[in-house]
């Protein structure tokens, strides 16, 4: 029989669950998920993301803002361009897993 969980362990588990829920909530929109999929290929600027995903301003900025707020993407400025990239190892792992589960068939198809 398993021993009961300690209050400290429960607190840590709850904190992890909150982080996980925030990540899943951010991923739960098709456009944000597509943006993150593009960023798994590497850093992109706003214009590149707009062309690749087909999401136009102001929706694109709103979605990127949500991803930035949730800590899923980071930015850097180069001249007049803002570049986005995945922000953490955890986000990269989640996106790689989703890609292998749901996008592998698409990448494997002959042109």
PDB file of N, CA and C in Angstrom:
ATOM      1  N   UNK A   1       0.842  -1.186   0.000  1.00  0.00           N
ATOM      2  CA  UNK A   1       0.000   0.000   0.000  1.00  0.00           C
ATOM      3  C   UNK A   1       0.883   1.244   0.000  1.00  0.00           C
ATOM      4  N   UNK A   2       0.535   2.221  -0.802  1.00  0.00           N
ATOM      5  CA  UNK A   2       1.310   3.459  -0.881  1.00  0.00           C
ATOM      6  C   UNK A   2       1.068   4.320   0.348  1.00  0.00           C
ATOM      7  N   UNK A   3       2.118   4.993   0.784  1.00  0.00           N
ATOM      8  CA  UNK A   3       1.962   5.906   1.914  1.00  0.00           C
ATOM      9  C   UNK A   3       1.329   7.202   1.425  1.00  0.00           C
ATOM     10  N   UNK A   4       0.616   7.900   2.304  1.00  0.00           N
ATOM     11  CA  UNK A   4      -0.036   9.146   1.888  1.00  0.00           C
ATOM     12  C   UNK A   4       0.997  10.196   1.486  1.00  0.00           C
ATOM     13  N   UNK A   5       0.586  11.044   0.584  1.00  0.00           N
ATOM     14  CA  UNK A   5       1.473  12.101   0.092  1.00  0.00           C
ATOM     15  C   UNK A   5       1.621  13.175   1.170  1.00  0.00           C
ATOM     16  N   UNK A   6       2.825  13.683   1.315  1.00  0.00           N
ATOM     17  CA  UNK A   6       3.071  14.724   2.316  1.00  0.00           C
ATOM     18  C   UNK A   6       2.526  16.054   1.815  1.00  0.00           C
ATOM     19  N   UNK A   7       2.225  16.973   2.727  1.00  0.00           N
ATOM     20  CA  UNK A   7       1.749  18.295   2.296  1.00  0.00           C
ATOM     21  C   UNK A   7       2.751  19.006   1.382  1.00  0.00           C
ATOM     22  N   UNK A   8       4.043  18.825   1.650  1.00  0.00           N
ATOM     23  CA  UNK A   8       5.064  19.465   0.813  1.00  0.00           C
ATOM     24  C   UNK A   8       5.045  18.887  -0.598  1.00  0.00           C
ATOM     25  N   UNK A   9       4.950  17.557  -0.680  1.00  0.00           N
ATOM     26  CA  UNK A   9       4.916  16.911  -1.994  1.00  0.00           C
ATOM     27  C   UNK A   9       3.650  17.292  -2.745  1.00  0.00           C
ATOM     28  N   UNK A  10       2.528  17.389  -2.027  1.00  0.00           N
ATOM     29  CA  UNK A  10       1.276  17.792  -2.657  1.00  0.00           C
ATOM     30  C   UNK A  10       1.375  19.221  -3.183  1.00  0.00           C
ATOM     31  N   UNK A  11       2.013  20.093  -2.416  1.00  0.00           N
ATOM     32  CA  UNK A  11       2.200  21.476  -2.861  1.00  0.00           C
ATOM     33  C   UNK A  11       3.044  21.545  -4.121  1.00  0.00           C
ATOM     34  N   UNK A  12       4.112  20.767  -4.164  1.00  0.00           N
ATOM     35  CA  UNK A  12       4.975  20.742  -5.356  1.00  0.00           C
ATOM     36  C   UNK A  12       4.229  20.159  -6.548  1.00  0.00           C
ATOM     37  N   UNK A  13       3.441  19.119  -6.299  1.00  0.00           N
ATOM     38  CA  UNK A  13       2.651  18.509  -7.371  1.00  0.00           C
ATOM     39  C   UNK A  13       1.611  19.488  -7.907  1.00  0.00           C
ATOM     40  N   UNK A  14       0.970  20.228  -7.003  1.00  0.00           N
ATOM     41  CA  UNK A  14      -0.024  21.224  -7.410  1.00  0.00           C
ATOM     42  C   UNK A  14       0.628  22.327  -8.253  1.00  0.00           C
ATOM     43  N   UNK A  15       1.812  22.760  -7.847  1.00  0.00           N
ATOM     44  CA  UNK A  15       2.532  23.791  -8.606  1.00  0.00           C
ATOM     45  C   UNK A  15       2.870  23.294 -10.013  1.00  0.00           C
ATOM     46  N   UNK A  16       3.321  22.052 -10.113  1.00  0.00           N
ATOM     47  CA  UNK A  16       3.612  21.467 -11.426  1.00  0.00           C
ATOM     48  C   UNK A  16       2.348  21.343 -12.267  1.00  0.00           C
ATOM     49  N   UNK A  17       1.246  20.964 -11.635  1.00  0.00           N
ATOM     50  CA  UNK A  17      -0.026  20.836 -12.354  1.00  0.00           C
ATOM     51  C   UNK A  17      -0.484  22.189 -12.889  1.00  0.00           C
ATOM     52  N   UNK A  18      -0.294  23.249 -12.113  1.00  0.00           N
ATOM     53  CA  UNK A  18      -0.665  24.593 -12.562  1.00  0.00           C
ATOM     54  C   UNK A  18       0.150  25.008 -13.785  1.00  0.00           C
ATOM     55  N   UNK A  19       1.461  24.732 -13.754  1.00  0.00           N
ATOM     56  CA  UNK A  19       2.320  25.047 -14.902  1.00  0.00           C
ATOM     57  C   UNK A  19       1.895  24.257 -16.129  1.00  0.00           C
ATOM     58  N   UNK A  20       1.590  22.991 -15.930  1.00  0.00           N
ATOM     59  CA  UNK A  20       1.168  22.135 -17.032  1.00  0.00           C
ATOM     60  C   UNK A  20      -0.146  22.635 -17.627  1.00  0.00           C
ATOM     61  N   UNK A  21      -1.091  23.005 -16.781  1.00  0.00           N
ATOM     62  CA  UNK A  21      -2.384  23.512 -17.263  1.00  0.00           C
ATOM     63  C   UNK A  21      -2.211  24.807 -18.048  1.00  0.00           C
ATOM     64  N   UNK A  22      -1.334  25.689 -17.590  1.00  0.00           N
ATOM     65  CA  UNK A  22      -1.083  26.935 -18.318  1.00  0.00           C
ATOM     66  C   UNK A  22      -0.503  26.640 -19.699  1.00  0.00           C
ATOM     67  N   UNK A  23       0.418  25.696 -19.779  1.00  0.00           N
ATOM     68  CA  UNK A  23       1.000  25.304 -21.064  1.00  0.00           C
ATOM     69  C   UNK A  23      -0.074  24.733 -21.980  1.00  0.00           C
ATOM     70  N   UNK A  24      -0.869  23.805 -21.463  1.00  0.00           N
ATOM     71  CA  UNK A  24      -1.904  23.179 -22.285  1.00  0.00           C
ATOM     72  C   UNK A  24      -2.963  24.184 -22.720  1.00  0.00           C
ATOM     73  N   UNK A  25      -3.286  25.138 -21.859  1.00  0.00           N
ATOM     74  CA  UNK A  25      -4.254  26.180 -22.221  1.00  0.00           C
ATOM     75  C   UNK A  25      -3.717  27.020 -23.375  1.00  0.00           C
ATOM     76  N   UNK A  26      -2.439  27.369 -23.324  1.00  0.00           N
ATOM     77  CA  UNK A  26      -1.836  28.149 -24.412  1.00  0.00           C
ATOM     78  C   UNK A  26      -1.794  27.345 -25.705  1.00  0.00           C
ATOM     79  N   UNK A  27      -1.595  26.044 -25.608  1.00  0.00           N
ATOM     80  CA  UNK A  27      -1.538  25.182 -26.795  1.00  0.00           C
ATOM     81  C   UNK A  27      -2.923  24.883 -27.369  1.00  0.00           C
ATOM     82  N   UNK A  28      -3.964  25.181 -26.610  1.00  0.00           N
ATOM     83  CA  UNK A  28      -5.320  24.775 -26.978  1.00  0.00           C
ATOM     84  C   UNK A  28      -5.969  25.674 -28.026  1.00  0.00           C
ATOM     85  N   UNK A  29      -5.199  26.465 -28.728  1.00  0.00           N
ATOM     86  CA  UNK A  29      -5.717  27.272 -29.834  1.00  0.00           C
ATOM     87  C   UNK A  29      -4.926  26.907 -31.088  1.00  0.00           C
ATOM     88  N   UNK A  30      -5.638  26.612 -32.142  1.00  0.00           N
ATOM     89  CA  UNK A  30      -5.005  26.137 -33.377  1.00  0.00           C
ATOM     90  C   UNK A  30      -3.915  27.080 -33.890  1.00  0.00           C
ATOM     91  N   UNK A  31      -4.177  28.381 -33.896  1.00  0.00           N
ATOM     92  CA  UNK A  31      -3.188  29.330 -34.419  1.00  0.00           C
ATOM     93  C   UNK A  31      -1.933  29.377 -33.551  1.00  0.00           C
ATOM     94  N   UNK A  32      -2.110  29.349 -32.230  1.00  0.00           N
ATOM     95  CA  UNK A  32      -0.932  29.356 -31.351  1.00  0.00           C
ATOM     96  C   UNK A  32      -0.127  28.072 -31.515  1.00  0.00           C
ATOM     97  N   UNK A  33      -0.815  26.965 -31.669  1.00  0.00           N
ATOM     98  CA  UNK A  33      -0.121  25.696 -31.879  1.00  0.00           C
ATOM     99  C   UNK A  33       0.659  25.717 -33.189  1.00  0.00           C
ATOM    100  N   UNK A  34       0.062  26.270 -34.240  1.00  0.00           N
ATOM    101  CA  UNK A  34       0.768  26.390 -35.524  1.00  0.00           C
ATOM    102  C   UNK A  34       1.995  27.290 -35.404  1.00  0.00           C
ATOM    103  N   UNK A  35       1.868  28.378 -34.660  1.00  0.00           N
ATOM    104  CA  UNK A  35       3.015  29.269 -34.453  1.00  0.00           C
ATOM    105  C   UNK A  35       4.147  28.523 -33.748  1.00  0.00           C
ATOM    106  N   UNK A  36       3.806  27.788 -32.699  1.00  0.00           N
ATOM    107  CA  UNK A  36       4.830  27.030 -31.978  1.00  0.00           C
ATOM    108  C   UNK A  36       5.446  25.951 -32.855  1.00  0.00           C
ATOM    109  N   UNK A  37       4.634  25.322 -33.696  1.00  0.00           N
ATOM    110  CA  UNK A  37       5.173  24.316 -34.630  1.00  0.00           C
ATOM    111  C   UNK A  37       6.215  24.940 -35.546  1.00  0.00           C
ATOM    112  N   UNK A  38       5.941  26.130 -36.050  1.00  0.00           N
ATOM    113  CA  UNK A  38       6.906  26.808 -36.915  1.00  0.00           C
ATOM    114  C   UNK A  38       8.181  27.146 -36.150  1.00  0.00           C
ATOM    115  N   UNK A  39       8.029  27.499 -34.885  1.00  0.00           N
ATOM    116  CA  UNK A  39       9.199  27.864 -34.088  1.00  0.00           C
ATOM    117  C   UNK A  39      10.042  26.655 -33.689  1.00  0.00           C
ATOM    118  N   UNK A  40       9.506  25.443 -33.814  1.00  0.00           N
ATOM    119  CA  UNK A  40      10.343  24.262 -33.568  1.00  0.00           C
ATOM    120  C   UNK A  40      11.414  24.132 -34.639  1.00  0.00           C
ATOM    121  N   UNK A  41      11.180  24.746 -35.794  1.00  0.00           N
ATOM    122  CA  UNK A  41      12.156  24.722 -36.892  1.00  0.00           C
ATOM    123  C   UNK A  41      13.252  25.758 -36.690  1.00  0.00           C
ATOM    124  N   UNK A  42      13.047  26.681 -35.737  1.00  0.00           N
ATOM    125  CA  UNK A  42      14.038  27.713 -35.466  1.00  0.00           C
ATOM    126  C   UNK A  42      13.397  29.074 -35.317  1.00  0.00           C
ATOM    127  N   UNK A  43      14.220  30.031 -35.022  1.00  0.00           N
ATOM    128  CA  UNK A  43      13.795  31.402 -34.791  1.00  0.00           C
ATOM    129  C   UNK A  43      13.160  31.996 -36.050  1.00  0.00           C
ATOM    130  N   UNK A  44      12.105  32.774 -35.863  1.00  0.00           N
ATOM    131  CA  UNK A  44      11.408  33.426 -36.981  1.00  0.00           C
ATOM    132  C   UNK A  44      11.011  34.839 -36.569  1.00  0.00           C
ATOM    133  N   UNK A  45      10.945  35.734 -37.576  1.00  0.00           N
ATOM    134  CA  UNK A  45      10.429  37.063 -37.274  1.00  0.00           C
ATOM    135  C   UNK A  45       8.928  37.090 -37.544  1.00  0.00           C
ATOM    136  N   UNK A  46       8.283  38.164 -37.150  1.00  0.00           N
ATOM    137  CA  UNK A  46       6.830  38.271 -37.242  1.00  0.00           C
ATOM    138  C   UNK A  46       6.354  38.123 -38.682  1.00  0.00           C
ATOM    139  N   UNK A  47       7.032  38.747 -39.619  1.00  0.00           N
ATOM    140  CA  UNK A  47       6.638  38.650 -41.024  1.00  0.00           C
ATOM    141  C   UNK A  47       6.713  37.226 -41.545  1.00  0.00           C
ATOM    142  N   UNK A  48       7.754  36.505 -41.150  1.00  0.00           N
ATOM    143  CA  UNK A  48       7.888  35.100 -41.557  1.00  0.00           C
ATOM    144  C   UNK A  48       6.757  34.260 -40.973  1.00  0.00           C
ATOM    145  N   UNK A  49       6.456  34.480 -39.701  1.00  0.00           N
ATOM    146  CA  UNK A  49       5.373  33.727 -39.064  1.00  0.00           C
ATOM    147  C   UNK A  49       4.034  34.021 -39.725  1.00  0.00           C
ATOM    148  N   UNK A  50       3.802  35.271 -40.054  1.00  0.00           N
ATOM    149  CA  UNK A  50       2.551  35.651 -40.712  1.00  0.00           C
ATOM    150  C   UNK A  50       2.405  34.917 -42.044  1.00  0.00           C
ATOM    151  N   UNK A  51       3.474  34.872 -42.822  1.00  0.00           N
ATOM    152  CA  UNK A  51       3.435  34.204 -44.129  1.00  0.00           C
ATOM    153  C   UNK A  51       3.296  32.690 -43.989  1.00  0.00           C
ATOM    154  N   UNK A  52       3.985  32.105 -43.033  1.00  0.00           N
ATOM    155  CA  UNK A  52       3.974  30.651 -42.871  1.00  0.00           C
ATOM    156  C   UNK A  52       2.658  30.114 -42.317  1.00  0.00           C
ATOM    157  N   UNK A  53       2.070  30.847 -41.395  1.00  0.00           N
ATOM    158  CA  UNK A  53       0.890  30.355 -40.692  1.00  0.00           C
ATOM    159  C   UNK A  53      -0.401  30.928 -41.267  1.00  0.00           C
ATOM    160  N   UNK A  54      -0.307  32.091 -41.918  1.00  0.00           N
ATOM    161  CA  UNK A  54      -1.497  32.699 -42.499  1.00  0.00           C
ATOM    162  C   UNK A  54      -2.371  33.424 -41.494  1.00  0.00           C
ATOM    163  N   UNK A  55      -1.815  33.780 -40.360  1.00  0.00           N
ATOM    164  CA  UNK A  55      -2.535  34.560 -39.349  1.00  0.00           C
ATOM    165  C   UNK A  55      -2.087  36.002 -39.510  1.00  0.00           C
ATOM    166  N   UNK A  56      -3.050  36.907 -39.646  1.00  0.00           N
ATOM    167  CA  UNK A  56      -2.728  38.307 -39.912  1.00  0.00           C
ATOM    168  C   UNK A  56      -2.852  39.151 -38.650  1.00  0.00           C
ATOM    169  N   UNK A  57      -2.246  40.340 -38.728  1.00  0.00           N
ATOM    170  CA  UNK A  57      -2.359  41.306 -37.648  1.00  0.00           C
ATOM    171  C   UNK A  57      -3.822  41.701 -37.522  1.00  0.00           C
ATOM    172  N   UNK A  58      -4.346  42.019 -36.370  1.00  0.00           N
ATOM    173  CA  UNK A  58      -3.707  42.014 -35.048  1.00  0.00           C
ATOM    174  C   UNK A  58      -3.749  40.659 -34.349  1.00  0.00           C
ATOM    175  N   UNK A  59      -4.417  39.673 -34.953  1.00  0.00           N
ATOM    176  CA  UNK A  59      -4.521  38.348 -34.312  1.00  0.00           C
ATOM    177  C   UNK A  59      -3.152  37.745 -34.025  1.00  0.00           C
ATOM    178  N   UNK A  60      -2.226  37.892 -34.970  1.00  0.00           N
ATOM    179  CA  UNK A  60      -0.888  37.332 -34.791  1.00  0.00           C
ATOM    180  C   UNK A  60      -0.226  37.910 -33.544  1.00  0.00           C
ATOM    181  N   UNK A  61      -0.286  39.231 -33.397  1.00  0.00           N
ATOM    182  CA  UNK A  61       0.319  39.875 -32.226  1.00  0.00           C
ATOM    183  C   UNK A  61      -0.341  39.415 -30.936  1.00  0.00           C
ATOM    184  N   UNK A  62      -1.656  39.251 -30.970  1.00  0.00           N
ATOM    185  CA  UNK A  62      -2.378  38.795 -29.789  1.00  0.00           C
ATOM    186  C   UNK A  62      -1.924  37.384 -29.394  1.00  0.00           C
ATOM    187  N   UNK A  63      -1.833  36.492 -30.359  1.00  0.00           N
ATOM    188  CA  UNK A  63      -1.408  35.122 -30.062  1.00  0.00           C
ATOM    189  C   UNK A  63       0.041  35.077 -29.583  1.00  0.00           C
ATOM    190  N   UNK A  64       0.910  35.835 -30.228  1.00  0.00           N
ATOM    191  CA  UNK A  64       2.307  35.875 -29.791  1.00  0.00           C
ATOM    192  C   UNK A  64       2.413  36.461 -28.386  1.00  0.00           C
ATOM    193  N   UNK A  65       1.557  37.425 -28.073  1.00  0.00           N
ATOM    194  CA  UNK A  65       1.523  37.998 -26.727  1.00  0.00           C
ATOM    195  C   UNK A  65       1.146  36.967 -25.678  1.00  0.00           C
ATOM    196  N   UNK A  66       0.158  36.142 -25.977  1.00  0.00           N
ATOM    197  CA  UNK A  66      -0.241  35.067 -25.056  1.00  0.00           C
ATOM    198  C   UNK A  66       0.921  34.100 -24.850  1.00  0.00           C
ATOM    199  N   UNK A  67       1.569  33.711 -25.937  1.00  0.00           N
ATOM    200  CA  UNK A  67       2.701  32.776 -25.842  1.00  0.00           C
ATOM    201  C   UNK A  67       3.857  33.378 -25.046  1.00  0.00           C
ATOM    202  N   UNK A  68       4.078  34.675 -25.227  1.00  0.00           N
ATOM    203  CA  UNK A  68       5.136  35.373 -24.489  1.00  0.00           C
ATOM    204  C   UNK A  68       4.769  35.460 -23.000  1.00  0.00           C
ATOM    205  N   UNK A  69       3.514  35.824 -22.713  1.00  0.00           N
ATOM    206  CA  UNK A  69       3.038  35.937 -21.334  1.00  0.00           C
ATOM    207  C   UNK A  69       3.166  34.621 -20.579  1.00  0.00           C
ATOM    208  N   UNK A  70       2.891  33.530 -21.264  1.00  0.00           N
ATOM    209  CA  UNK A  70       2.955  32.205 -20.638  1.00  0.00           C
ATOM    210  C   UNK A  70       4.377  31.654 -20.585  1.00  0.00           C
ATOM    211  N   UNK A  71       5.337  32.406 -21.123  1.00  0.00           N
ATOM    212  CA  UNK A  71       6.732  31.982 -21.068  1.00  0.00           C
ATOM    213  C   UNK A  71       7.095  30.896 -22.061  1.00  0.00           C
ATOM    214  N   UNK A  72       6.287  30.754 -23.121  1.00  0.00           N
ATOM    215  CA  UNK A  72       6.553  29.719 -24.116  1.00  0.00           C
ATOM    216  C   UNK A  72       7.497  30.197 -25.208  1.00  0.00           C
ATOM    217  N   UNK A  73       7.521  31.504 -25.450  1.00  0.00           N
ATOM    218  CA  UNK A  73       8.429  32.066 -26.450  1.00  0.00           C
ATOM    219  C   UNK A  73       9.206  33.225 -25.840  1.00  0.00           C
ATOM    220  N   UNK A  74      10.363  33.476 -26.420  1.00  0.00           N
ATOM    221  CA  UNK A  74      11.201  34.625 -26.070  1.00  0.00           C
ATOM    222  C   UNK A  74      11.415  35.433 -27.337  1.00  0.00           C
ATOM    223  N   UNK A  75      11.785  36.686 -27.151  1.00  0.00           N
ATOM    224  CA  UNK A  75      11.999  37.556 -28.305  1.00  0.00           C
ATOM    225  C   UNK A  75      13.371  38.206 -28.238  1.00  0.00           C
ATOM    226  N   UNK A  76      13.784  38.651 -29.409  1.00  0.00           N
ATOM    227  CA  UNK A  76      14.953  39.528 -29.502  1.00  0.00           C
ATOM    228  C   UNK A  76      14.686  40.476 -30.658  1.00  0.00           C
ATOM    229  N   UNK A  77      15.210  41.674 -30.538  1.00  0.00           N
ATOM    230  CA  UNK A  77      15.026  42.678 -31.574  1.00  0.00           C
ATOM    231  C   UNK A  77      16.310  42.819 -32.372  1.00  0.00           C
ATOM    232  N   UNK A  78      16.157  42.869 -33.682  1.00  0.00           N
ATOM    233  CA  UNK A  78      17.279  43.121 -34.582  1.00  0.00           C
ATOM    234  C   UNK A  78      16.811  44.174 -35.574  1.00  0.00           C
ATOM    235  N   UNK A  79      17.283  45.400 -35.381  1.00  0.00           N
ATOM    236  CA  UNK A  79      16.801  46.494 -36.221  1.00  0.00           C
ATOM    237  C   UNK A  79      15.318  46.696 -36.001  1.00  0.00           C
ATOM    238  N   UNK A  80      14.559  46.686 -37.086  1.00  0.00           N
ATOM    239  CA  UNK A  80      13.111  46.877 -36.960  1.00  0.00           C
ATOM    240  C   UNK A  80      12.349  45.561 -36.812  1.00  0.00           C
ATOM    241  N   UNK A  81      13.046  44.440 -36.774  1.00  0.00           N
ATOM    242  CA  UNK A  81      12.408  43.125 -36.694  1.00  0.00           C
ATOM    243  C   UNK A  81      12.454  42.557 -35.279  1.00  0.00           C
ATOM    244  N   UNK A  82      11.388  41.878 -34.913  1.00  0.00           N
ATOM    245  CA  UNK A  82      11.335  41.135 -33.657  1.00  0.00           C
ATOM    246  C   UNK A  82      11.335  39.656 -34.012  1.00  0.00           C
ATOM    247  N   UNK A  83      12.274  38.930 -33.443  1.00  0.00           N
ATOM    248  CA  UNK A  83      12.410  37.500 -33.689  1.00  0.00           C
ATOM    249  C   UNK A  83      11.896  36.716 -32.483  1.00  0.00           C
ATOM    250  N   UNK A  84      11.192  35.634 -32.771  1.00  0.00           N
ATOM    251  CA  UNK A  84      10.630  34.762 -31.744  1.00  0.00           C
ATOM    252  C   UNK A  84      11.313  33.408 -31.790  1.00  0.00           C
ATOM    253  N   UNK A  85      11.454  32.796 -30.607  1.00  0.00           N
ATOM    254  CA  UNK A  85      12.004  31.447 -30.493  1.00  0.00           C
ATOM    255  C   UNK A  85      11.338  30.770 -29.293  1.00  0.00           C
ATOM    256  N   UNK A  86      11.385  29.445 -29.281  1.00  0.00           N
ATOM    257  CA  UNK A  86      10.855  28.704 -28.142  1.00  0.00           C
ATOM    258  C   UNK A  86      11.697  29.032 -26.915  1.00  0.00           C
ATOM    259  N   UNK A  87      11.038  29.146 -25.764  1.00  0.00           N
ATOM    260  CA  UNK A  87      11.689  29.713 -24.592  1.00  0.00           C
ATOM    261  C   UNK A  87      12.356  28.716 -23.656  1.00  0.00           C
ATOM    262  N   UNK A  88      11.967  27.454 -23.708  1.00  0.00           N
ATOM    263  CA  UNK A  88      12.523  26.532 -22.719  1.00  0.00           C
ATOM    264  C   UNK A  88      12.646  25.125 -23.282  1.00  0.00           C
ATOM    265  N   UNK A  89      13.444  24.350 -22.585  1.00  0.00           N
ATOM    266  CA  UNK A  89      13.630  22.948 -22.961  1.00  0.00           C
ATOM    267  C   UNK A  89      12.304  22.188 -22.870  1.00  0.00           C
ATOM    268  N   UNK A  90      11.492  22.522 -21.854  1.00  0.00           N
ATOM    269  CA  UNK A  90      10.201  21.853 -21.690  1.00  0.00           C
ATOM    270  C   UNK A  90       9.291  22.097 -22.887  1.00  0.00           C
ATOM    271  N   UNK A  91       9.226  23.330 -23.351  1.00  0.00           N
ATOM    272  CA  UNK A  91       8.380  23.659 -24.508  1.00  0.00           C
ATOM    273  C   UNK A  91       8.894  22.936 -25.751  1.00  0.00           C
ATOM    274  N   UNK A  92      10.197  22.909 -25.924  1.00  0.00           N
ATOM    275  CA  UNK A  92      10.786  22.207 -27.074  1.00  0.00           C
ATOM    276  C   UNK A  92      10.418  20.729 -27.025  1.00  0.00           C
ATOM    277  N   UNK A  93      10.525  20.107 -25.857  1.00  0.00           N
ATOM    278  CA  UNK A  93      10.182  18.686 -25.727  1.00  0.00           C
ATOM    279  C   UNK A  93       8.712  18.430 -26.041  1.00  0.00           C
ATOM    280  N   UNK A  94       7.827  19.270 -25.514  1.00  0.00           N
ATOM    281  CA  UNK A  94       6.392  19.100 -25.770  1.00  0.00           C
ATOM    282  C   UNK A  94       6.111  19.230 -27.257  1.00  0.00           C
ATOM    283  N   UNK A  95       6.688  20.234 -27.900  1.00  0.00           N
ATOM    284  CA  UNK A  95       6.434  20.448 -29.324  1.00  0.00           C
ATOM    285  C   UNK A  95       7.028  19.319 -30.165  1.00  0.00           C
ATOM    286  N   UNK A  96       8.187  18.805 -29.786  1.00  0.00           N
ATOM    287  CA  UNK A  96       8.768  17.671 -30.511  1.00  0.00           C
ATOM    288  C   UNK A  96       7.889  16.435 -30.375  1.00  0.00           C
ATOM    289  N   UNK A  97       7.341  16.225 -29.193  1.00  0.00           N
ATOM    290  CA  UNK A  97       6.441  15.088 -28.985  1.00  0.00           C
ATOM    291  C   UNK A  97       5.183  15.232 -29.822  1.00  0.00           C
ATOM    292  N   UNK A  98       4.562  16.407 -29.787  1.00  0.00           N
ATOM    293  CA  UNK A  98       3.359  16.639 -30.594  1.00  0.00           C
ATOM    294  C   UNK A  98       3.658  16.476 -32.077  1.00  0.00           C
ATOM    295  N   UNK A  99       4.797  16.986 -32.501  1.00  0.00           N
ATOM    296  CA  UNK A  99       5.177  16.874 -33.910  1.00  0.00           C
ATOM    297  C   UNK A  99       5.346  15.416 -34.315  1.00  0.00           C
ATOM    298  N   UNK A 100       6.005  14.636 -33.471  1.00  0.00           N
ATOM    299  CA  UNK A 100       6.211  13.226 -33.827  1.00  0.00           C
ATOM    300  C   UNK A 100       4.898  12.453 -33.835  1.00  0.00           C
ATOM    301  N   UNK A 101       3.966  12.816 -32.969  1.00  0.00           N
ATOM    302  CA  UNK A 101       2.679  12.126 -32.917  1.00  0.00           C
ATOM    303  C   UNK A 101       1.738  12.535 -34.045  1.00  0.00           C
ATOM    304  N   UNK A 102       1.715  13.831 -34.370  1.00  0.00           N
ATOM    305  CA  UNK A 102       0.690  14.340 -35.276  1.00  0.00           C
ATOM    306  C   UNK A 102       1.203  14.836 -36.618  1.00  0.00           C
ATOM    307  N   UNK A 103       2.479  15.133 -36.717  1.00  0.00           N
ATOM    308  CA  UNK A 103       3.003  15.691 -37.970  1.00  0.00           C
ATOM    309  C   UNK A 103       3.921  14.732 -38.704  1.00  0.00           C
ATOM    310  N   UNK A 104       4.328  13.660 -38.088  1.00  0.00           N
ATOM    311  CA  UNK A 104       5.240  12.707 -38.714  1.00  0.00           C
ATOM    312  C   UNK A 104       4.720  12.181 -40.035  1.00  0.00           C
ATOM    313  N   UNK A 105       3.431  11.887 -40.096  1.00  0.00           N
ATOM    314  CA  UNK A 105       2.824  11.384 -41.334  1.00  0.00           C
ATOM    315  C   UNK A 105       2.928  12.417 -42.446  1.00  0.00           C
ATOM    316  N   UNK A 106       2.769  13.680 -42.089  1.00  0.00           N
ATOM    317  CA  UNK A 106       2.822  14.735 -43.104  1.00  0.00           C
ATOM    318  C   UNK A 106       4.232  14.906 -43.648  1.00  0.00           C
ATOM    319  N   UNK A 107       5.229  14.841 -42.779  1.00  0.00           N
ATOM    320  CA  UNK A 107       6.620  15.020 -43.208  1.00  0.00           C
ATOM    321  C   UNK A 107       7.114  13.827 -44.011  1.00  0.00           C
ATOM    322  N   UNK A 108       6.542  12.650 -43.751  1.00  0.00           N
ATOM    323  CA  UNK A 108       7.005  11.431 -44.420  1.00  0.00           C
ATOM    324  C   UNK A 108       6.401  11.247 -45.809  1.00  0.00           C
ATOM    325  N   UNK A 109       5.367  11.997 -46.135  1.00  0.00           N
ATOM    326  CA  UNK A 109       4.721  11.848 -47.442  1.00  0.00           C
ATOM    327  C   UNK A 109       5.626  12.337 -48.558  1.00  0.00           C
ATOM    328  N   UNK A 110       5.680  11.600 -49.668  1.00  0.00           N
ATOM    329  CA  UNK A 110       6.476  12.072 -50.806  1.00  0.00           C
ATOM    330  C   UNK A 110       5.815  13.284 -51.450  1.00  0.00           C
ATOM    331  N   UNK A 111       6.638  14.138 -52.024  1.00  0.00           N
ATOM    332  CA  UNK A 111       6.124  15.368 -52.647  1.00  0.00           C
ATOM    333  C   UNK A 111       5.490  15.080 -53.985  1.00  0.00           C
TER     334      UNK A 111
END
